[in-house]
């Protein structure tokens, strides 16, 4: 591609020629977009395939943090960083309803399960690995979730559900409105908007 001479005389603040940077960018994109590259190593997933749940504290806790979901090929990678938990093991689940408005997060409903999934001892759709909070109450999670999608609009799409952090380890958490429970953090999973 030929760069107009007028553009070659303009320089960025760091002294680089814009045309040279464009050529380098095209070379890098070409190298990264090889058809042999595995989908799971996609460097910049489409904004349609990313979603985030910012956490709000529930039941008088101080819990905060963020849970992110990224579609990578046929699986979804989840990343979480959560603060102000009590040290130890905590359950984290995707719950059925995308509503965290109640003080005890009962509005998030039960653990999410796509119809027909989770039978015969298999995991539910909303099951995720438990969190381990350190002495400062910080927990991180990076895991691959199979059988889910992000931003597809299909029945296994995580967008529109909610993430709930539980105090301690619970296999089948239930909650009633207006009754204090073990739900200490909740966030609605929303698709990330494409940057303009």
N, C-alpha and C. Protein backbone atom coordinates (compact mmCIF):
# COMPACT_ATOMS: atom_id res chain seq x y z
N UNK A 1 0.86 -1.19 0.00
CA UNK A 1 0.00 0.00 0.00
C UNK A 1 0.88 1.23 0.00
N UNK A 2 0.65 2.19 -0.88
CA UNK A 2 1.46 3.40 -1.00
C UNK A 2 0.94 4.45 -0.03
N UNK A 3 1.85 5.04 0.76
CA UNK A 3 1.47 6.07 1.73
C UNK A 3 1.69 7.42 1.10
N UNK A 4 0.69 8.34 1.10
CA UNK A 4 0.86 9.67 0.51
C UNK A 4 2.05 10.39 1.12
N UNK A 5 2.78 11.15 0.28
CA UNK A 5 3.99 11.84 0.75
C UNK A 5 3.68 12.79 1.89
N UNK A 6 2.51 13.43 1.85
CA UNK A 6 2.15 14.39 2.90
C UNK A 6 2.11 13.72 4.25
N UNK A 7 1.67 12.45 4.28
CA UNK A 7 1.57 11.75 5.55
C UNK A 7 2.94 11.35 6.07
N UNK A 8 3.91 11.15 5.17
CA UNK A 8 5.24 10.73 5.60
C UNK A 8 5.96 11.82 6.37
N UNK A 9 5.57 13.07 6.17
CA UNK A 9 6.25 14.17 6.85
C UNK A 9 5.69 14.42 8.24
N UNK A 10 4.48 13.92 8.54
CA UNK A 10 3.92 14.07 9.88
C UNK A 10 4.52 13.01 10.78
N UNK A 11 4.81 13.36 12.02
CA UNK A 11 5.40 12.40 12.95
C UNK A 11 4.58 12.37 14.24
N UNK A 12 4.58 11.20 14.90
CA UNK A 12 3.95 11.09 16.21
C UNK A 12 4.86 11.77 17.22
N UNK A 13 4.35 11.97 18.45
CA UNK A 13 5.14 12.61 19.49
C UNK A 13 6.39 11.81 19.81
N UNK A 14 6.40 10.52 19.59
CA UNK A 14 7.59 9.72 19.89
C UNK A 14 8.54 9.65 18.70
N UNK A 15 8.22 10.36 17.60
CA UNK A 15 9.12 10.43 16.47
C UNK A 15 8.89 9.37 15.41
N UNK A 16 7.95 8.46 15.59
CA UNK A 16 7.73 7.39 14.62
C UNK A 16 6.93 7.92 13.43
N UNK A 17 7.24 7.44 12.27
CA UNK A 17 6.52 7.83 11.06
C UNK A 17 5.22 7.05 11.00
N UNK A 18 4.05 7.70 10.86
CA UNK A 18 2.77 6.98 10.84
C UNK A 18 2.72 5.88 9.80
N UNK A 19 3.25 6.12 8.59
CA UNK A 19 3.23 5.10 7.55
C UNK A 19 4.00 3.86 7.96
N UNK A 20 5.14 4.06 8.63
CA UNK A 20 5.94 2.92 9.09
C UNK A 20 5.20 2.14 10.15
N UNK A 21 4.52 2.86 11.03
CA UNK A 21 3.73 2.18 12.07
C UNK A 21 2.59 1.39 11.45
N UNK A 22 1.95 1.94 10.43
CA UNK A 22 0.85 1.23 9.77
C UNK A 22 1.36 -0.05 9.13
N UNK A 23 2.55 0.03 8.47
CA UNK A 23 3.11 -1.16 7.83
C UNK A 23 3.44 -2.23 8.86
N UNK A 24 4.02 -1.78 10.00
CA UNK A 24 4.36 -2.72 11.07
C UNK A 24 3.09 -3.35 11.64
N UNK A 25 2.03 -2.55 11.83
CA UNK A 25 0.77 -3.08 12.35
C UNK A 25 0.18 -4.11 11.42
N UNK A 26 0.21 -3.84 10.11
CA UNK A 26 -0.32 -4.79 9.15
C UNK A 26 0.46 -6.09 9.17
N UNK A 27 1.79 -5.99 9.32
CA UNK A 27 2.62 -7.19 9.38
C UNK A 27 2.29 -8.02 10.61
N UNK A 28 2.10 -7.34 11.75
CA UNK A 28 1.77 -8.05 12.99
C UNK A 28 0.40 -8.70 12.91
N UNK A 29 -0.57 -7.97 12.36
CA UNK A 29 -1.92 -8.53 12.22
C UNK A 29 -1.89 -9.74 11.30
N UNK A 30 -1.14 -9.63 10.21
CA UNK A 30 -1.02 -10.76 9.28
C UNK A 30 -0.42 -11.97 9.95
N UNK A 31 0.61 -11.74 10.80
CA UNK A 31 1.25 -12.86 11.48
C UNK A 31 0.32 -13.51 12.49
N UNK A 32 -0.51 -12.68 13.15
CA UNK A 32 -1.40 -13.21 14.19
C UNK A 32 -2.66 -13.84 13.61
N UNK A 33 -2.99 -13.51 12.36
CA UNK A 33 -4.25 -14.00 11.81
C UNK A 33 -4.06 -15.24 10.95
N UNK A 34 -2.94 -15.92 11.14
CA UNK A 34 -2.69 -17.15 10.40
C UNK A 34 -3.80 -18.16 10.65
N UNK A 35 -4.21 -18.87 9.61
CA UNK A 35 -5.30 -19.85 9.78
C UNK A 35 -4.87 -21.02 10.64
N UNK A 36 -3.55 -21.16 10.88
CA UNK A 36 -3.06 -22.25 11.72
C UNK A 36 -3.12 -21.92 13.21
N UNK A 37 -3.36 -20.65 13.55
CA UNK A 37 -3.36 -20.25 14.96
C UNK A 37 -4.61 -20.77 15.64
N UNK A 38 -4.49 -21.42 16.83
CA UNK A 38 -5.66 -21.92 17.55
C UNK A 38 -6.57 -20.78 17.98
N UNK A 39 -7.89 -21.00 17.96
CA UNK A 39 -8.85 -19.96 18.33
C UNK A 39 -8.66 -19.50 19.76
N UNK A 40 -8.22 -20.39 20.66
CA UNK A 40 -8.11 -20.01 22.06
C UNK A 40 -7.02 -18.99 22.31
N UNK A 41 -6.14 -18.76 21.32
CA UNK A 41 -5.09 -17.77 21.47
C UNK A 41 -5.43 -16.47 20.76
N UNK A 42 -6.69 -16.29 20.42
CA UNK A 42 -7.12 -15.05 19.77
C UNK A 42 -6.79 -13.88 20.68
N UNK A 43 -6.02 -12.92 20.15
CA UNK A 43 -5.55 -11.82 20.99
C UNK A 43 -6.63 -10.81 21.32
N UNK A 44 -7.49 -10.52 20.36
CA UNK A 44 -8.49 -9.49 20.57
C UNK A 44 -9.87 -10.02 20.22
N UNK A 45 -10.52 -10.75 21.14
CA UNK A 45 -11.86 -11.26 20.86
C UNK A 45 -12.82 -10.11 20.57
N UNK A 46 -13.79 -10.38 19.73
CA UNK A 46 -14.80 -9.39 19.39
C UNK A 46 -15.51 -8.92 20.64
N UNK A 47 -15.92 -7.64 20.65
CA UNK A 47 -16.66 -7.11 21.80
C UNK A 47 -17.95 -7.87 22.02
N UNK A 48 -18.49 -8.49 20.95
CA UNK A 48 -19.71 -9.29 21.10
C UNK A 48 -19.49 -10.50 21.98
N UNK A 49 -18.24 -10.91 22.11
CA UNK A 49 -17.92 -12.14 22.82
C UNK A 49 -17.32 -11.89 24.19
N UNK A 50 -17.59 -10.72 24.76
CA UNK A 50 -17.08 -10.38 26.08
C UNK A 50 -18.22 -9.86 26.94
N UNK A 51 -18.21 -10.21 28.22
CA UNK A 51 -19.24 -9.73 29.14
C UNK A 51 -18.62 -9.56 30.52
N UNK A 52 -19.21 -8.69 31.31
CA UNK A 52 -18.67 -8.38 32.64
C UNK A 52 -19.79 -8.26 33.66
N UNK A 53 -19.48 -8.69 34.88
CA UNK A 53 -20.41 -8.53 36.01
C UNK A 53 -19.67 -7.80 37.14
N UNK A 54 -19.90 -6.48 37.30
CA UNK A 54 -19.34 -5.77 38.45
C UNK A 54 -20.13 -6.17 39.70
N UNK A 55 -19.42 -6.49 40.76
CA UNK A 55 -20.09 -7.02 41.96
C UNK A 55 -20.49 -5.92 42.93
N UNK A 56 -21.67 -6.07 43.50
CA UNK A 56 -22.15 -5.20 44.58
C UNK A 56 -22.26 -6.04 45.85
N UNK A 57 -21.97 -5.43 46.98
CA UNK A 57 -22.03 -6.16 48.25
C UNK A 57 -23.48 -6.43 48.66
N UNK A 58 -23.68 -7.55 49.34
CA UNK A 58 -25.01 -7.96 49.80
C UNK A 58 -24.93 -8.45 51.24
N UNK A 59 -26.06 -8.43 51.94
CA UNK A 59 -26.17 -8.91 53.32
C UNK A 59 -25.19 -8.22 54.26
N UNK A 60 -24.94 -6.93 54.01
CA UNK A 60 -24.08 -6.15 54.90
C UNK A 60 -22.60 -6.41 54.73
N UNK A 61 -22.20 -7.15 53.71
CA UNK A 61 -20.76 -7.40 53.48
C UNK A 61 -20.11 -6.18 52.84
N UNK A 62 -18.79 -6.23 52.68
CA UNK A 62 -18.06 -5.18 51.98
C UNK A 62 -17.49 -5.70 50.67
N UNK A 63 -17.98 -6.84 50.20
CA UNK A 63 -17.44 -7.51 49.02
C UNK A 63 -17.56 -6.62 47.79
N UNK A 64 -16.50 -6.61 46.99
CA UNK A 64 -16.49 -5.89 45.71
C UNK A 64 -15.64 -6.69 44.73
N UNK A 65 -15.67 -6.29 43.47
CA UNK A 65 -14.86 -6.97 42.47
C UNK A 65 -15.54 -7.02 41.13
N UNK A 66 -14.99 -7.86 40.26
CA UNK A 66 -15.47 -7.95 38.89
C UNK A 66 -15.26 -9.36 38.37
N UNK A 67 -16.24 -9.85 37.62
CA UNK A 67 -16.13 -11.15 36.97
C UNK A 67 -16.33 -10.93 35.48
N UNK A 68 -15.38 -11.43 34.67
CA UNK A 68 -15.43 -11.22 33.22
C UNK A 68 -15.49 -12.56 32.49
N UNK A 69 -16.19 -12.56 31.38
CA UNK A 69 -16.36 -13.75 30.56
C UNK A 69 -15.91 -13.44 29.13
N UNK A 70 -15.10 -14.32 28.55
CA UNK A 70 -14.61 -14.13 27.18
C UNK A 70 -14.82 -15.43 26.41
N UNK A 71 -15.50 -15.32 25.28
CA UNK A 71 -15.68 -16.49 24.40
C UNK A 71 -14.39 -16.74 23.66
N UNK A 72 -13.87 -17.97 23.76
CA UNK A 72 -12.66 -18.36 23.03
C UNK A 72 -12.94 -19.70 22.38
N UNK A 73 -13.29 -19.65 21.09
CA UNK A 73 -13.63 -20.87 20.39
C UNK A 73 -14.90 -21.48 20.95
N UNK A 74 -14.84 -22.75 21.33
CA UNK A 74 -16.01 -23.47 21.82
C UNK A 74 -16.17 -23.39 23.34
N UNK A 75 -15.31 -22.64 24.02
CA UNK A 75 -15.42 -22.53 25.48
C UNK A 75 -15.41 -21.07 25.90
N UNK A 76 -15.70 -20.84 27.17
CA UNK A 76 -15.72 -19.50 27.74
C UNK A 76 -14.69 -19.45 28.87
N UNK A 77 -13.84 -18.44 28.83
CA UNK A 77 -12.88 -18.24 29.91
C UNK A 77 -13.45 -17.22 30.87
N UNK A 78 -13.42 -17.54 32.16
CA UNK A 78 -13.90 -16.61 33.18
C UNK A 78 -12.71 -16.13 34.00
N UNK A 79 -12.68 -14.82 34.25
CA UNK A 79 -11.66 -14.20 35.09
C UNK A 79 -12.38 -13.46 36.21
N UNK A 80 -11.92 -13.62 37.43
CA UNK A 80 -12.56 -12.91 38.55
C UNK A 80 -11.50 -12.40 39.52
N UNK A 81 -11.73 -11.21 40.03
CA UNK A 81 -10.93 -10.66 41.12
C UNK A 81 -11.92 -10.10 42.13
N UNK A 82 -11.88 -10.63 43.36
CA UNK A 82 -12.87 -10.25 44.37
C UNK A 82 -12.14 -9.85 45.65
N UNK A 83 -12.66 -8.81 46.30
CA UNK A 83 -12.03 -8.25 47.49
C UNK A 83 -12.98 -8.32 48.69
N UNK A 84 -12.37 -8.25 49.87
CA UNK A 84 -13.09 -8.15 51.15
C UNK A 84 -13.96 -9.36 51.46
N UNK A 85 -13.51 -10.54 51.05
CA UNK A 85 -14.14 -11.79 51.49
C UNK A 85 -13.54 -12.20 52.82
N UNK A 86 -14.20 -13.08 53.55
CA UNK A 86 -13.55 -13.67 54.71
C UNK A 86 -12.56 -14.70 54.18
N UNK A 87 -11.40 -14.85 54.80
CA UNK A 87 -10.42 -15.82 54.31
C UNK A 87 -11.01 -17.23 54.26
N UNK A 88 -10.64 -18.00 53.23
CA UNK A 88 -11.12 -19.36 53.10
C UNK A 88 -11.84 -19.61 51.79
N UNK A 89 -12.63 -20.68 51.75
CA UNK A 89 -13.30 -21.14 50.53
C UNK A 89 -14.68 -20.51 50.38
N UNK A 90 -14.99 -20.10 49.14
CA UNK A 90 -16.30 -19.50 48.83
C UNK A 90 -16.83 -20.08 47.54
N UNK A 91 -18.12 -20.29 47.48
CA UNK A 91 -18.75 -20.71 46.23
C UNK A 91 -19.03 -19.49 45.37
N UNK A 92 -18.91 -19.68 44.06
CA UNK A 92 -19.28 -18.66 43.09
C UNK A 92 -20.08 -19.38 42.01
N UNK A 93 -21.28 -18.88 41.75
CA UNK A 93 -22.17 -19.51 40.77
C UNK A 93 -22.75 -18.46 39.83
N UNK A 94 -23.11 -18.91 38.63
CA UNK A 94 -23.96 -18.10 37.75
C UNK A 94 -25.39 -18.44 38.14
N UNK A 95 -26.16 -17.41 38.53
CA UNK A 95 -27.55 -17.64 38.93
C UNK A 95 -28.48 -17.30 37.77
N UNK A 96 -29.68 -17.81 37.86
CA UNK A 96 -30.63 -17.81 36.75
C UNK A 96 -31.09 -16.42 36.32
N UNK A 97 -31.35 -15.54 37.28
CA UNK A 97 -31.99 -14.26 36.98
C UNK A 97 -30.96 -13.13 37.01
N UNK A 98 -31.00 -12.27 36.02
CA UNK A 98 -30.10 -11.12 35.98
C UNK A 98 -30.65 -9.97 36.78
N UNK A 99 -30.76 -10.16 38.09
CA UNK A 99 -31.33 -9.13 38.97
C UNK A 99 -30.66 -9.23 40.34
N UNK A 100 -29.94 -8.20 40.72
CA UNK A 100 -29.25 -8.17 42.01
C UNK A 100 -29.83 -7.09 42.92
N UNK A 101 -31.07 -6.68 42.66
CA UNK A 101 -31.64 -5.52 43.36
C UNK A 101 -31.98 -5.75 44.82
N UNK A 102 -32.26 -6.98 45.22
CA UNK A 102 -32.66 -7.21 46.62
C UNK A 102 -31.42 -7.18 47.53
N UNK A 103 -31.64 -6.79 48.79
CA UNK A 103 -30.53 -6.65 49.74
C UNK A 103 -29.79 -7.95 50.00
N UNK A 104 -30.48 -9.08 49.82
CA UNK A 104 -29.84 -10.37 50.08
C UNK A 104 -29.60 -11.16 48.78
N UNK A 105 -29.77 -10.53 47.62
CA UNK A 105 -29.56 -11.15 46.31
C UNK A 105 -30.47 -12.33 46.03
N UNK A 106 -31.57 -12.46 46.78
CA UNK A 106 -32.54 -13.51 46.46
C UNK A 106 -33.14 -13.28 45.08
N UNK A 107 -33.12 -12.01 44.62
CA UNK A 107 -33.65 -11.67 43.31
C UNK A 107 -32.88 -12.34 42.17
N UNK A 108 -31.68 -12.85 42.45
CA UNK A 108 -30.89 -13.54 41.42
C UNK A 108 -31.38 -14.95 41.16
N UNK A 109 -32.30 -15.43 41.99
CA UNK A 109 -32.88 -16.75 41.78
C UNK A 109 -31.92 -17.89 42.10
N UNK A 110 -32.23 -19.10 41.65
CA UNK A 110 -31.39 -20.27 41.94
C UNK A 110 -30.17 -20.32 41.01
N UNK A 111 -29.30 -21.28 41.24
CA UNK A 111 -28.17 -21.50 40.34
C UNK A 111 -28.72 -21.83 38.95
N UNK A 112 -28.15 -21.20 37.93
CA UNK A 112 -28.63 -21.34 36.55
C UNK A 112 -28.36 -22.74 36.02
N UNK A 113 -29.33 -23.27 35.30
CA UNK A 113 -29.15 -24.54 34.62
C UNK A 113 -29.97 -24.56 33.34
N UNK A 114 -29.28 -24.70 32.21
CA UNK A 114 -29.97 -24.81 30.93
C UNK A 114 -30.81 -26.08 30.94
N UNK A 115 -32.00 -26.02 30.39
CA UNK A 115 -32.87 -27.20 30.36
C UNK A 115 -32.14 -28.41 29.78
N UNK A 116 -32.17 -29.51 30.53
CA UNK A 116 -31.53 -30.74 30.09
C UNK A 116 -30.10 -30.91 30.54
N UNK A 117 -29.49 -29.83 31.06
CA UNK A 117 -28.11 -29.93 31.56
C UNK A 117 -28.12 -30.30 33.04
N UNK A 118 -27.01 -30.76 33.53
CA UNK A 118 -26.86 -31.04 34.95
C UNK A 118 -27.60 -32.24 35.47
N UNK A 119 -27.96 -33.19 34.58
CA UNK A 119 -28.66 -34.39 35.04
C UNK A 119 -27.67 -35.54 35.19
N UNK A 120 -28.02 -36.51 36.01
CA UNK A 120 -27.17 -37.68 36.19
C UNK A 120 -25.84 -37.37 36.84
N UNK A 121 -25.83 -36.40 37.77
CA UNK A 121 -24.61 -36.07 38.49
C UNK A 121 -23.69 -35.11 37.75
N UNK A 122 -24.09 -34.65 36.56
CA UNK A 122 -23.26 -33.71 35.82
C UNK A 122 -23.41 -32.31 36.40
N UNK A 123 -22.42 -31.47 36.11
CA UNK A 123 -22.44 -30.11 36.62
C UNK A 123 -23.59 -29.31 36.01
N UNK A 124 -24.11 -28.35 36.79
CA UNK A 124 -25.11 -27.42 36.28
C UNK A 124 -24.41 -26.38 35.41
N UNK A 125 -25.18 -25.70 34.59
CA UNK A 125 -24.62 -24.66 33.72
C UNK A 125 -23.94 -23.56 34.52
N UNK A 126 -24.49 -23.24 35.68
CA UNK A 126 -23.95 -22.14 36.48
C UNK A 126 -22.84 -22.51 37.44
N UNK A 127 -22.41 -23.76 37.44
CA UNK A 127 -21.33 -24.17 38.35
C UNK A 127 -19.99 -23.62 37.90
N UNK A 128 -19.22 -23.11 38.85
CA UNK A 128 -17.86 -22.64 38.59
C UNK A 128 -16.96 -23.15 39.71
N UNK A 129 -15.64 -23.18 39.47
CA UNK A 129 -14.73 -23.60 40.55
C UNK A 129 -14.85 -22.67 41.75
N UNK A 130 -14.64 -23.21 42.95
CA UNK A 130 -14.76 -22.36 44.13
C UNK A 130 -13.61 -21.36 44.21
N UNK A 131 -13.83 -20.32 45.00
CA UNK A 131 -12.83 -19.28 45.23
C UNK A 131 -12.06 -19.58 46.50
N UNK A 132 -10.79 -19.21 46.52
CA UNK A 132 -9.98 -19.31 47.73
C UNK A 132 -9.51 -17.91 48.09
N UNK A 133 -10.07 -17.35 49.17
CA UNK A 133 -9.68 -16.00 49.60
C UNK A 133 -8.48 -16.09 50.53
N UNK A 134 -7.49 -15.22 50.32
CA UNK A 134 -6.31 -15.22 51.17
C UNK A 134 -6.56 -14.47 52.48
N UNK A 135 -5.53 -14.28 53.26
CA UNK A 135 -5.68 -13.65 54.58
C UNK A 135 -6.19 -12.22 54.49
N UNK A 136 -5.95 -11.57 53.34
CA UNK A 136 -6.44 -10.19 53.14
C UNK A 136 -7.85 -10.17 52.55
N UNK A 137 -8.43 -11.33 52.29
CA UNK A 137 -9.78 -11.40 51.74
C UNK A 137 -9.86 -11.25 50.23
N UNK A 138 -8.71 -11.42 49.55
CA UNK A 138 -8.68 -11.29 48.09
C UNK A 138 -8.70 -12.67 47.45
N UNK A 139 -9.51 -12.82 46.41
CA UNK A 139 -9.58 -14.10 45.68
C UNK A 139 -9.55 -13.82 44.19
N UNK A 140 -8.87 -14.68 43.45
CA UNK A 140 -8.85 -14.57 42.00
C UNK A 140 -9.25 -15.91 41.40
N UNK A 141 -9.75 -15.85 40.19
CA UNK A 141 -10.18 -17.06 39.50
C UNK A 141 -9.92 -16.90 38.01
N UNK A 142 -9.38 -17.94 37.40
CA UNK A 142 -9.23 -18.03 35.96
C UNK A 142 -9.56 -19.46 35.58
N UNK A 143 -10.63 -19.65 34.82
CA UNK A 143 -11.08 -21.02 34.52
C UNK A 143 -11.74 -21.07 33.16
N UNK A 144 -11.73 -22.25 32.56
CA UNK A 144 -12.39 -22.48 31.28
C UNK A 144 -13.71 -23.18 31.54
N UNK A 145 -14.79 -22.63 31.01
CA UNK A 145 -16.13 -23.18 31.18
C UNK A 145 -16.61 -23.73 29.85
N UNK A 146 -16.99 -24.97 29.83
CA UNK A 146 -17.46 -25.60 28.59
C UNK A 146 -18.99 -25.61 28.57
N UNK A 147 -19.56 -25.64 27.37
CA UNK A 147 -21.01 -25.71 27.22
C UNK A 147 -21.71 -24.38 27.37
N UNK A 148 -20.92 -23.26 27.45
CA UNK A 148 -21.51 -21.94 27.60
C UNK A 148 -21.08 -21.06 26.43
N UNK A 149 -21.73 -19.92 26.28
CA UNK A 149 -21.35 -18.95 25.25
C UNK A 149 -21.54 -17.54 25.80
N UNK A 150 -20.99 -16.57 25.07
CA UNK A 150 -21.09 -15.16 25.47
C UNK A 150 -21.61 -14.35 24.30
N UNK A 151 -22.74 -13.68 24.49
CA UNK A 151 -23.27 -12.77 23.49
C UNK A 151 -23.85 -13.43 22.26
N UNK A 152 -24.20 -14.70 22.34
CA UNK A 152 -24.74 -15.41 21.18
C UNK A 152 -26.26 -15.36 21.10
N UNK A 153 -26.90 -15.08 22.23
CA UNK A 153 -28.36 -15.09 22.28
C UNK A 153 -28.94 -16.49 22.37
N UNK A 154 -28.11 -17.50 22.44
CA UNK A 154 -28.60 -18.88 22.54
C UNK A 154 -28.93 -19.21 24.00
N UNK A 155 -29.51 -20.39 24.23
CA UNK A 155 -29.95 -20.73 25.59
C UNK A 155 -28.78 -20.92 26.55
N UNK A 156 -27.56 -21.08 26.04
CA UNK A 156 -26.41 -21.24 26.94
C UNK A 156 -25.59 -19.96 27.09
N UNK A 157 -26.17 -18.82 26.67
CA UNK A 157 -25.50 -17.52 26.75
C UNK A 157 -25.51 -17.01 28.20
N UNK A 158 -24.34 -16.65 28.73
CA UNK A 158 -24.24 -16.17 30.12
C UNK A 158 -24.82 -14.78 30.30
N UNK A 159 -24.88 -13.99 29.22
CA UNK A 159 -25.37 -12.61 29.31
C UNK A 159 -26.83 -12.61 29.75
N UNK A 160 -27.13 -11.73 30.72
CA UNK A 160 -28.49 -11.64 31.23
C UNK A 160 -28.73 -12.43 32.49
N UNK A 161 -27.74 -13.21 32.90
CA UNK A 161 -27.81 -13.93 34.18
C UNK A 161 -27.02 -13.12 35.21
N UNK A 162 -26.81 -13.66 36.38
CA UNK A 162 -26.02 -12.94 37.38
C UNK A 162 -25.00 -13.86 38.03
N UNK A 163 -23.96 -13.26 38.58
CA UNK A 163 -22.94 -14.00 39.32
C UNK A 163 -23.16 -13.70 40.80
N UNK A 164 -23.17 -14.74 41.62
CA UNK A 164 -23.35 -14.56 43.06
C UNK A 164 -22.18 -15.21 43.80
N UNK A 165 -21.61 -14.45 44.74
CA UNK A 165 -20.55 -14.96 45.61
C UNK A 165 -21.20 -15.35 46.93
N UNK A 166 -20.86 -16.53 47.40
CA UNK A 166 -21.46 -17.05 48.63
C UNK A 166 -20.45 -17.10 49.77
N UNK A 167 -20.92 -16.87 50.96
CA UNK A 167 -20.08 -16.97 52.15
C UNK A 167 -19.89 -18.45 52.46
N UNK A 168 -18.68 -18.93 52.28
CA UNK A 168 -18.42 -20.35 52.50
C UNK A 168 -18.74 -21.17 51.27
N UNK A 169 -18.66 -22.48 51.41
CA UNK A 169 -18.87 -23.40 50.30
C UNK A 169 -20.26 -23.99 50.41
N UNK A 170 -21.11 -23.76 49.38
CA UNK A 170 -22.48 -24.26 49.37
C UNK A 170 -22.74 -25.01 48.07
N UNK A 171 -23.26 -26.21 48.18
CA UNK A 171 -23.52 -27.02 46.99
C UNK A 171 -24.82 -26.62 46.31
N UNK A 172 -25.85 -26.31 47.09
CA UNK A 172 -27.16 -25.98 46.52
C UNK A 172 -27.76 -24.78 47.25
N UNK A 173 -27.25 -23.59 46.97
CA UNK A 173 -27.71 -22.41 47.72
C UNK A 173 -29.13 -22.00 47.37
N UNK A 174 -29.91 -21.69 48.39
CA UNK A 174 -31.27 -21.20 48.21
C UNK A 174 -31.44 -19.93 49.05
N UNK A 175 -32.38 -19.10 48.68
CA UNK A 175 -32.59 -17.85 49.41
C UNK A 175 -34.03 -17.41 49.35
N UNK A 176 -34.48 -16.80 50.46
CA UNK A 176 -35.82 -16.20 50.52
C UNK A 176 -35.67 -14.69 50.59
N UNK A 177 -36.61 -13.98 49.99
CA UNK A 177 -36.57 -12.52 50.04
C UNK A 177 -36.69 -12.04 51.48
N UNK A 178 -35.91 -11.01 51.82
CA UNK A 178 -36.02 -10.37 53.12
C UNK A 178 -35.37 -11.13 54.26
N UNK A 179 -34.75 -12.26 53.99
CA UNK A 179 -34.11 -13.06 55.05
C UNK A 179 -32.60 -13.04 54.82
N UNK A 180 -31.82 -12.64 55.82
CA UNK A 180 -30.36 -12.67 55.65
C UNK A 180 -29.90 -14.07 55.24
N UNK A 181 -28.94 -14.11 54.33
CA UNK A 181 -28.44 -15.40 53.86
C UNK A 181 -26.94 -15.31 53.60
N UNK A 182 -26.42 -16.30 52.88
CA UNK A 182 -24.98 -16.40 52.66
C UNK A 182 -24.51 -15.69 51.39
N UNK A 183 -25.39 -14.99 50.70
CA UNK A 183 -25.00 -14.31 49.45
C UNK A 183 -24.34 -12.97 49.79
N UNK A 184 -23.04 -12.88 49.55
CA UNK A 184 -22.30 -11.69 49.99
C UNK A 184 -21.94 -10.74 48.85
N UNK A 185 -22.12 -11.18 47.60
CA UNK A 185 -21.84 -10.32 46.45
C UNK A 185 -22.65 -10.77 45.26
N UNK A 186 -23.08 -9.80 44.42
CA UNK A 186 -23.90 -10.14 43.27
C UNK A 186 -23.66 -9.13 42.16
N UNK A 187 -23.60 -9.62 40.92
CA UNK A 187 -23.43 -8.74 39.77
C UNK A 187 -24.14 -9.29 38.56
N UNK A 188 -24.83 -8.44 37.82
CA UNK A 188 -25.52 -8.86 36.59
C UNK A 188 -24.51 -8.92 35.46
N UNK A 189 -24.55 -10.00 34.68
CA UNK A 189 -23.63 -10.18 33.55
C UNK A 189 -24.15 -9.42 32.35
N UNK A 190 -23.39 -8.43 31.91
CA UNK A 190 -23.81 -7.59 30.78
C UNK A 190 -22.76 -7.64 29.68
N UNK A 191 -23.21 -7.66 28.43
CA UNK A 191 -22.30 -7.66 27.29
C UNK A 191 -21.51 -6.37 27.26
N UNK A 192 -20.23 -6.46 26.95
CA UNK A 192 -19.41 -5.27 26.83
C UNK A 192 -19.73 -4.58 25.52
N UNK A 193 -19.77 -3.25 25.56
CA UNK A 193 -20.08 -2.48 24.35
C UNK A 193 -18.81 -2.32 23.52
N UNK A 194 -18.96 -2.40 22.21
CA UNK A 194 -17.82 -2.20 21.32
C UNK A 194 -17.38 -0.75 21.43
N UNK A 195 -16.06 -0.52 21.48
CA UNK A 195 -15.54 0.85 21.56
C UNK A 195 -15.66 1.51 20.20
N UNK A 196 -15.99 2.80 20.20
CA UNK A 196 -16.17 3.49 18.93
C UNK A 196 -14.93 4.30 18.58
